Amino acid sequence: MREEKYDLESLLRGRTLRVYYELLSLREPIGPRQLQRKLGLSSPSLAAYHLDKLVEFGLVRCDRGVYSVEEVVQVGVLKQFIFIGRLALPRHLFYAVFFSATLITYLVMYPQPLTFANVVAWLLGIIASGVCWYETVRVFRSRP
């Protein structure tokens, strides 16, 4: 299993990874021509080539020229995403929302004078939120 995952990690990259990501995001069967239009590939045969590679890897199945996801694997940049239906959300998004909501709640519910302890609490909340939002944006931009 570990060797198989390592092989997938090395084989699933570039356009093939992009095609797989698109299939994961769509969550519905798609043909090569629709995929070619959606991804802006040069021809349907190029889309079919990458789809056939995914079938060969055992990640996608083909039923009468229509392809759908057979197995979901988390390799490469896909490890950084959580798939909820058609949404691919960066994992850091949940932390960013949590820290931001906590900070806002603290500021609204407990308005206190400027003391050293309050300034430290505000700074920690701001830094934690900022780091999480930065990582969320960075991962979102690195999607295939």
N, C-alpha and C. Protein backbone atom coordinates (compact mmCIF):
# COMPACT_ATOMS: atom_id res chain seq x y z
N MET A 1 0.82 -1.19 0.00
CA MET A 1 0.00 0.00 0.00
C MET A 1 0.86 1.26 0.00
N ARG A 2 1.90 1.29 0.82
CA ARG A 2 2.75 2.46 0.90
C ARG A 2 3.48 2.70 -0.42
N GLU A 3 4.01 1.62 -1.05
CA GLU A 3 4.68 1.76 -2.34
C GLU A 3 3.70 2.23 -3.40
N GLU A 4 2.48 1.70 -3.37
CA GLU A 4 1.46 2.08 -4.34
C GLU A 4 1.14 3.56 -4.22
N LYS A 5 1.02 4.07 -3.00
CA LYS A 5 0.74 5.48 -2.79
C LYS A 5 1.91 6.33 -3.28
N TYR A 6 3.14 5.86 -3.02
CA TYR A 6 4.31 6.60 -3.49
C TYR A 6 4.32 6.65 -5.01
N ASP A 7 3.97 5.55 -5.66
CA ASP A 7 3.93 5.54 -7.12
C ASP A 7 2.88 6.53 -7.62
N LEU A 8 1.71 6.55 -7.00
CA LEU A 8 0.68 7.50 -7.40
C LEU A 8 1.16 8.94 -7.21
N GLU A 9 1.86 9.18 -6.12
CA GLU A 9 2.37 10.53 -5.86
C GLU A 9 3.32 10.98 -6.97
N SER A 10 4.13 10.07 -7.46
CA SER A 10 5.08 10.44 -8.51
C SER A 10 4.42 10.47 -9.89
N LEU A 11 3.37 9.68 -10.09
CA LEU A 11 2.71 9.62 -11.39
C LEU A 11 1.62 10.67 -11.57
N LEU A 12 0.98 11.03 -10.49
CA LEU A 12 -0.15 11.96 -10.54
C LEU A 12 0.35 13.39 -10.34
N ARG A 13 0.69 14.02 -11.44
CA ARG A 13 1.18 15.40 -11.38
C ARG A 13 0.90 16.09 -12.70
N GLY A 14 1.09 17.38 -12.73
CA GLY A 14 0.88 18.16 -13.95
C GLY A 14 -0.57 18.16 -14.41
N ARG A 15 -0.75 17.98 -15.71
CA ARG A 15 -2.10 18.01 -16.28
C ARG A 15 -2.95 16.85 -15.79
N THR A 16 -2.34 15.71 -15.57
CA THR A 16 -3.10 14.56 -15.09
C THR A 16 -3.69 14.87 -13.71
N LEU A 17 -2.91 15.52 -12.85
CA LEU A 17 -3.40 15.93 -11.54
C LEU A 17 -4.53 16.95 -11.69
N ARG A 18 -4.37 17.85 -12.64
CA ARG A 18 -5.39 18.87 -12.88
C ARG A 18 -6.71 18.23 -13.34
N VAL A 19 -6.59 17.22 -14.22
CA VAL A 19 -7.77 16.50 -14.69
C VAL A 19 -8.44 15.77 -13.53
N TYR A 20 -7.64 15.12 -12.69
CA TYR A 20 -8.17 14.39 -11.54
C TYR A 20 -8.85 15.35 -10.56
N TYR A 21 -8.22 16.49 -10.31
CA TYR A 21 -8.80 17.51 -9.43
C TYR A 21 -10.15 17.98 -9.98
N GLU A 22 -10.22 18.17 -11.27
CA GLU A 22 -11.48 18.62 -11.89
C GLU A 22 -12.57 17.56 -11.73
N LEU A 23 -12.21 16.30 -11.91
CA LEU A 23 -13.18 15.22 -11.72
C LEU A 23 -13.66 15.16 -10.27
N LEU A 24 -12.73 15.35 -9.33
CA LEU A 24 -13.11 15.37 -7.91
C LEU A 24 -14.04 16.54 -7.61
N SER A 25 -13.77 17.68 -8.21
CA SER A 25 -14.58 18.86 -7.97
C SER A 25 -15.97 18.73 -8.59
N LEU A 26 -16.05 18.11 -9.76
CA LEU A 26 -17.34 17.98 -10.44
C LEU A 26 -18.26 16.98 -9.77
N ARG A 27 -17.69 15.86 -9.33
CA ARG A 27 -18.46 14.79 -8.68
C ARG A 27 -19.56 14.25 -9.58
N GLU A 28 -19.37 14.34 -10.88
CA GLU A 28 -20.32 13.77 -11.83
C GLU A 28 -19.56 13.26 -13.05
N PRO A 29 -20.11 12.28 -13.74
CA PRO A 29 -19.42 11.74 -14.93
C PRO A 29 -19.26 12.81 -16.00
N ILE A 30 -18.16 12.70 -16.74
CA ILE A 30 -17.86 13.69 -17.78
C ILE A 30 -17.15 13.00 -18.93
N GLY A 31 -17.38 13.49 -20.12
CA GLY A 31 -16.71 12.96 -21.30
C GLY A 31 -15.48 13.78 -21.64
N PRO A 32 -14.64 13.24 -22.51
CA PRO A 32 -13.40 13.96 -22.87
C PRO A 32 -13.64 15.33 -23.49
N ARG A 33 -14.68 15.46 -24.33
CA ARG A 33 -14.94 16.75 -24.98
C ARG A 33 -15.33 17.82 -23.96
N GLN A 34 -16.20 17.46 -23.01
CA GLN A 34 -16.60 18.43 -21.99
C GLN A 34 -15.40 18.81 -21.13
N LEU A 35 -14.56 17.83 -20.80
CA LEU A 35 -13.38 18.09 -19.99
C LEU A 35 -12.41 18.99 -20.75
N GLN A 36 -12.26 18.73 -22.04
CA GLN A 36 -11.37 19.55 -22.86
C GLN A 36 -11.83 21.01 -22.87
N ARG A 37 -13.13 21.22 -23.00
CA ARG A 37 -13.66 22.60 -22.98
C ARG A 37 -13.48 23.23 -21.60
N LYS A 38 -13.77 22.46 -20.56
CA LYS A 38 -13.72 22.98 -19.19
C LYS A 38 -12.30 23.40 -18.79
N LEU A 39 -11.30 22.59 -19.19
CA LEU A 39 -9.92 22.88 -18.80
C LEU A 39 -9.15 23.66 -19.86
N GLY A 40 -9.75 23.87 -21.02
CA GLY A 40 -9.06 24.60 -22.08
C GLY A 40 -7.92 23.83 -22.70
N LEU A 41 -8.08 22.51 -22.78
CA LEU A 41 -7.04 21.67 -23.40
C LEU A 41 -7.12 21.81 -24.92
N SER A 42 -6.04 21.46 -25.60
CA SER A 42 -5.98 21.68 -27.04
C SER A 42 -6.89 20.76 -27.84
N SER A 43 -7.17 19.56 -27.33
CA SER A 43 -8.02 18.63 -28.08
C SER A 43 -8.69 17.63 -27.14
N PRO A 44 -9.80 17.04 -27.60
CA PRO A 44 -10.44 16.01 -26.79
C PRO A 44 -9.56 14.77 -26.61
N SER A 45 -8.70 14.50 -27.59
CA SER A 45 -7.82 13.33 -27.47
C SER A 45 -6.80 13.52 -26.35
N LEU A 46 -6.37 14.75 -26.10
CA LEU A 46 -5.47 15.02 -24.98
C LEU A 46 -6.20 14.79 -23.65
N ALA A 47 -7.45 15.22 -23.58
CA ALA A 47 -8.24 14.97 -22.38
C ALA A 47 -8.44 13.47 -22.19
N ALA A 48 -8.72 12.75 -23.27
CA ALA A 48 -8.91 11.29 -23.20
C ALA A 48 -7.63 10.60 -22.76
N TYR A 49 -6.49 11.11 -23.22
CA TYR A 49 -5.19 10.54 -22.82
C TYR A 49 -5.02 10.62 -21.31
N HIS A 50 -5.28 11.77 -20.74
CA HIS A 50 -5.12 11.93 -19.29
C HIS A 50 -6.19 11.14 -18.52
N LEU A 51 -7.39 11.09 -19.05
CA LEU A 51 -8.43 10.28 -18.42
C LEU A 51 -8.06 8.80 -18.43
N ASP A 52 -7.50 8.34 -19.56
CA ASP A 52 -7.08 6.94 -19.65
C ASP A 52 -5.94 6.64 -18.69
N LYS A 53 -5.05 7.61 -18.49
CA LYS A 53 -4.00 7.41 -17.49
C LYS A 53 -4.60 7.23 -16.10
N LEU A 54 -5.62 8.01 -15.79
CA LEU A 54 -6.27 7.89 -14.49
C LEU A 54 -7.01 6.55 -14.36
N VAL A 55 -7.58 6.06 -15.46
CA VAL A 55 -8.21 4.73 -15.46
C VAL A 55 -7.15 3.67 -15.20
N GLU A 56 -6.00 3.82 -15.83
CA GLU A 56 -4.88 2.88 -15.65
C GLU A 56 -4.40 2.87 -14.20
N PHE A 57 -4.42 4.02 -13.54
CA PHE A 57 -4.01 4.10 -12.14
C PHE A 57 -5.07 3.55 -11.19
N GLY A 58 -6.29 3.33 -11.70
CA GLY A 58 -7.37 2.81 -10.87
C GLY A 58 -8.14 3.89 -10.11
N LEU A 59 -7.95 5.13 -10.50
CA LEU A 59 -8.62 6.24 -9.81
C LEU A 59 -9.94 6.63 -10.45
N VAL A 60 -10.07 6.30 -11.74
CA VAL A 60 -11.24 6.70 -12.52
C VAL A 60 -11.74 5.47 -13.27
N ARG A 61 -13.05 5.40 -13.49
CA ARG A 61 -13.60 4.31 -14.31
C ARG A 61 -14.25 4.92 -15.54
N CYS A 62 -14.25 4.14 -16.59
CA CYS A 62 -14.83 4.57 -17.85
C CYS A 62 -16.01 3.67 -18.16
N ASP A 63 -17.15 4.29 -18.43
CA ASP A 63 -18.35 3.56 -18.79
C ASP A 63 -18.92 4.17 -20.06
N ARG A 64 -18.69 3.52 -21.19
CA ARG A 64 -19.17 3.99 -22.50
C ARG A 64 -18.70 5.40 -22.84
N GLY A 65 -17.44 5.67 -22.62
CA GLY A 65 -16.87 6.97 -22.97
C GLY A 65 -17.12 8.08 -21.97
N VAL A 66 -17.73 7.74 -20.84
CA VAL A 66 -17.98 8.73 -19.79
C VAL A 66 -17.16 8.31 -18.57
N TYR A 67 -16.43 9.26 -18.02
CA TYR A 67 -15.49 8.98 -16.94
C TYR A 67 -16.02 9.51 -15.61
N SER A 68 -15.79 8.75 -14.55
CA SER A 68 -16.17 9.20 -13.21
C SER A 68 -15.14 8.70 -12.21
N VAL A 69 -15.08 9.35 -11.07
CA VAL A 69 -14.09 9.02 -10.05
C VAL A 69 -14.42 7.67 -9.42
N GLU A 70 -13.43 6.82 -9.37
CA GLU A 70 -13.56 5.49 -8.76
C GLU A 70 -13.05 5.51 -7.33
N GLU A 71 -11.90 6.16 -7.13
CA GLU A 71 -11.27 6.20 -5.81
C GLU A 71 -10.69 7.58 -5.55
N VAL A 72 -10.90 8.06 -4.35
CA VAL A 72 -10.36 9.36 -3.95
C VAL A 72 -9.06 9.12 -3.19
N VAL A 73 -7.98 9.71 -3.67
CA VAL A 73 -6.70 9.62 -2.98
C VAL A 73 -6.21 11.02 -2.66
N GLN A 74 -5.52 11.14 -1.55
CA GLN A 74 -4.96 12.42 -1.13
C GLN A 74 -3.45 12.37 -1.36
N VAL A 75 -3.02 12.87 -2.50
CA VAL A 75 -1.60 12.91 -2.81
C VAL A 75 -1.21 14.32 -3.22
N GLY A 76 0.03 14.65 -3.01
CA GLY A 76 0.54 15.95 -3.41
C GLY A 76 -0.24 17.09 -2.79
N VAL A 77 -0.59 18.05 -3.62
CA VAL A 77 -1.30 19.24 -3.15
C VAL A 77 -2.73 18.90 -2.71
N LEU A 78 -3.27 17.78 -3.14
CA LEU A 78 -4.63 17.39 -2.75
C LEU A 78 -4.73 17.10 -1.25
N LYS A 79 -3.59 16.83 -0.60
CA LYS A 79 -3.60 16.60 0.85
C LYS A 79 -4.05 17.84 1.61
N GLN A 80 -3.91 18.99 0.98
CA GLN A 80 -4.23 20.25 1.65
C GLN A 80 -5.69 20.65 1.51
N PHE A 81 -6.50 19.82 0.82
CA PHE A 81 -7.89 20.17 0.56
C PHE A 81 -8.84 19.17 1.20
N ILE A 82 -10.01 19.66 1.57
CA ILE A 82 -11.12 18.83 2.02
C ILE A 82 -12.22 19.00 0.98
N PHE A 83 -12.71 17.88 0.46
CA PHE A 83 -13.76 17.93 -0.55
C PHE A 83 -15.11 17.72 0.11
N ILE A 84 -15.98 18.73 -0.03
CA ILE A 84 -17.34 18.67 0.48
C ILE A 84 -18.25 18.90 -0.72
N GLY A 85 -18.82 17.83 -1.22
CA GLY A 85 -19.62 17.94 -2.45
C GLY A 85 -18.73 18.41 -3.58
N ARG A 86 -19.10 19.51 -4.21
CA ARG A 86 -18.30 20.06 -5.31
C ARG A 86 -17.24 21.05 -4.83
N LEU A 87 -17.27 21.37 -3.57
CA LEU A 87 -16.33 22.35 -3.04
C LEU A 87 -15.02 21.68 -2.63
N ALA A 88 -13.94 22.30 -3.00
CA ALA A 88 -12.61 21.90 -2.54
C ALA A 88 -12.11 23.02 -1.65
N LEU A 89 -12.12 22.78 -0.35
CA LEU A 89 -11.76 23.82 0.61
C LEU A 89 -10.40 23.53 1.23
N PRO A 90 -9.53 24.54 1.30
CA PRO A 90 -8.25 24.34 1.99
C PRO A 90 -8.48 24.01 3.46
N ARG A 91 -7.69 23.09 3.99
CA ARG A 91 -7.84 22.67 5.38
C ARG A 91 -7.67 23.84 6.35
N HIS A 92 -6.81 24.78 6.04
CA HIS A 92 -6.56 25.91 6.93
C HIS A 92 -7.74 26.86 7.03
N LEU A 93 -8.69 26.76 6.12
CA LEU A 93 -9.84 27.66 6.13
C LEU A 93 -10.62 27.53 7.44
N PHE A 94 -10.77 26.32 7.93
CA PHE A 94 -11.53 26.11 9.16
C PHE A 94 -10.83 26.75 10.36
N TYR A 95 -9.51 26.65 10.41
CA TYR A 95 -8.76 27.29 11.49
C TYR A 95 -8.85 28.81 11.38
N ALA A 96 -8.76 29.33 10.17
CA ALA A 96 -8.83 30.77 9.96
C ALA A 96 -10.18 31.32 10.41
N VAL A 97 -11.24 30.63 10.05
CA VAL A 97 -12.58 31.07 10.45
C VAL A 97 -12.72 30.98 11.97
N PHE A 98 -12.23 29.90 12.57
CA PHE A 98 -12.33 29.73 14.02
C PHE A 98 -11.61 30.85 14.76
N PHE A 99 -10.34 31.11 14.40
CA PHE A 99 -9.58 32.14 15.10
C PHE A 99 -10.16 33.54 14.86
N SER A 100 -10.64 33.81 13.65
CA SER A 100 -11.24 35.11 13.37
C SER A 100 -12.52 35.29 14.16
N ALA A 101 -13.36 34.27 14.20
CA ALA A 101 -14.62 34.35 14.95
C ALA A 101 -14.35 34.50 16.44
N THR A 102 -13.36 33.78 16.94
CA THR A 102 -13.01 33.89 18.36
C THR A 102 -12.53 35.30 18.69
N LEU A 103 -11.69 35.85 17.85
CA LEU A 103 -11.18 37.21 18.07
C LEU A 103 -12.31 38.23 18.03
N ILE A 104 -13.17 38.14 17.05
CA ILE A 104 -14.28 39.09 16.93
C ILE A 104 -15.22 38.97 18.13
N THR A 105 -15.50 37.73 18.52
CA THR A 105 -16.37 37.51 19.68
C THR A 105 -15.75 38.11 20.94
N TYR A 106 -14.46 37.91 21.11
CA TYR A 106 -13.76 38.46 22.28
C TYR A 106 -13.83 39.99 22.29
N LEU A 107 -13.60 40.59 21.13
CA LEU A 107 -13.62 42.05 21.05
C LEU A 107 -15.02 42.63 21.28
N VAL A 108 -16.05 41.94 20.78
CA VAL A 108 -17.41 42.46 20.90
C VAL A 108 -18.01 42.16 22.27
N MET A 109 -17.81 40.96 22.77
CA MET A 109 -18.45 40.55 24.02
C MET A 109 -17.73 41.06 25.27
N TYR A 110 -16.43 41.26 25.15
CA TYR A 110 -15.65 41.65 26.33
C TYR A 110 -14.82 42.90 26.06
N PRO A 111 -15.47 44.03 25.77
CA PRO A 111 -14.68 45.25 25.57
C PRO A 111 -14.05 45.68 26.89
N GLN A 112 -12.74 45.74 26.89
CA GLN A 112 -12.02 46.08 28.12
C GLN A 112 -11.00 47.17 27.83
N PRO A 113 -10.54 47.81 28.88
CA PRO A 113 -9.54 48.88 28.69
C PRO A 113 -8.22 48.31 28.18
N LEU A 114 -7.40 49.22 27.72
CA LEU A 114 -6.09 48.84 27.19
C LEU A 114 -5.15 48.46 28.33
N THR A 115 -5.06 47.18 28.57
CA THR A 115 -4.10 46.67 29.55
C THR A 115 -3.14 45.76 28.81
N PHE A 116 -2.03 45.45 29.45
CA PHE A 116 -1.04 44.58 28.81
C PHE A 116 -1.64 43.23 28.45
N ALA A 117 -2.43 42.65 29.33
CA ALA A 117 -3.04 41.33 29.08
C ALA A 117 -3.99 41.38 27.89
N ASN A 118 -4.77 42.45 27.78
CA ASN A 118 -5.70 42.57 26.65
C ASN A 118 -4.96 42.75 25.33
N VAL A 119 -3.93 43.57 25.35
CA VAL A 119 -3.15 43.79 24.12
C VAL A 119 -2.51 42.48 23.67
N VAL A 120 -1.97 41.71 24.61
CA VAL A 120 -1.38 40.42 24.27
C VAL A 120 -2.44 39.48 23.68
N ALA A 121 -3.62 39.43 24.28
CA ALA A 121 -4.71 38.58 23.78
C ALA A 121 -5.12 39.00 22.37
N TRP A 122 -5.23 40.32 22.15
CA TRP A 122 -5.60 40.81 20.82
C TRP A 122 -4.52 40.46 19.80
N LEU A 123 -3.27 40.67 20.17
CA LEU A 123 -2.17 40.36 19.25
C LEU A 123 -2.13 38.87 18.90
N LEU A 124 -2.29 38.02 19.91
CA LEU A 124 -2.30 36.58 19.64
C LEU A 124 -3.43 36.21 18.69
N GLY A 125 -4.60 36.78 18.92
CA GLY A 125 -5.73 36.50 18.04
C GLY A 125 -5.51 37.01 16.63
N ILE A 126 -4.95 38.20 16.51
CA ILE A 126 -4.68 38.78 15.19
C ILE A 126 -3.62 37.98 14.45
N ILE A 127 -2.55 37.61 15.15
CA ILE A 127 -1.47 36.84 14.52
C ILE A 127 -1.98 35.46 14.09
N ALA A 128 -2.71 34.77 14.98
CA ALA A 128 -3.24 33.45 14.63
C ALA A 128 -4.18 33.53 13.44
N SER A 129 -5.05 34.50 13.42
CA SER A 129 -5.97 34.67 12.29
C SER A 129 -5.20 34.98 11.01
N GLY A 130 -4.26 35.90 11.12
CA GLY A 130 -3.48 36.29 9.94
C GLY A 130 -2.70 35.14 9.33
N VAL A 131 -2.05 34.35 10.17
CA VAL A 131 -1.27 33.21 9.68
C VAL A 131 -2.19 32.20 9.01
N CYS A 132 -3.32 31.91 9.62
CA CYS A 132 -4.24 30.93 9.04
C CYS A 132 -4.84 31.43 7.72
N TRP A 133 -5.20 32.71 7.65
CA TRP A 133 -5.72 33.23 6.39
C TRP A 133 -4.65 33.25 5.31
N TYR A 134 -3.41 33.57 5.68
CA TYR A 134 -2.31 33.54 4.72
C TYR A 134 -2.13 32.12 4.15
N GLU A 135 -2.11 31.12 5.03
CA GLU A 135 -1.94 29.73 4.58
C GLU A 135 -3.12 29.28 3.73
N THR A 136 -4.32 29.72 4.08
CA THR A 136 -5.51 29.35 3.30
C THR A 136 -5.39 29.88 1.87
N VAL A 137 -5.01 31.14 1.74
CA VAL A 137 -4.87 31.74 0.41
C VAL A 137 -3.73 31.08 -0.36
N ARG A 138 -2.63 30.81 0.31
CA ARG A 138 -1.47 30.19 -0.34
C ARG A 138 -1.83 28.80 -0.89
N VAL A 139 -2.51 28.00 -0.09
CA VAL A 139 -2.91 26.67 -0.53
C VAL A 139 -3.95 26.75 -1.63
N PHE A 140 -4.89 27.68 -1.51
CA PHE A 140 -5.93 27.83 -2.53
C PHE A 140 -5.30 28.20 -3.88
N ARG A 141 -4.28 29.02 -3.87
CA ARG A 141 -3.61 29.39 -5.13
C ARG A 141 -2.80 28.25 -5.72
N SER A 142 -2.40 27.29 -4.89
CA SER A 142 -1.58 26.18 -5.40
C SER A 142 -2.41 25.02 -5.93
N ARG A 143 -3.74 25.16 -5.93
CA ARG A 143 -4.57 24.06 -6.41
C ARG A 143 -4.27 23.81 -7.88
N PRO A 144 -4.46 22.56 -8.30
CA PRO A 144 -4.14 22.22 -9.71
C PRO A 144 -5.04 22.93 -10.70
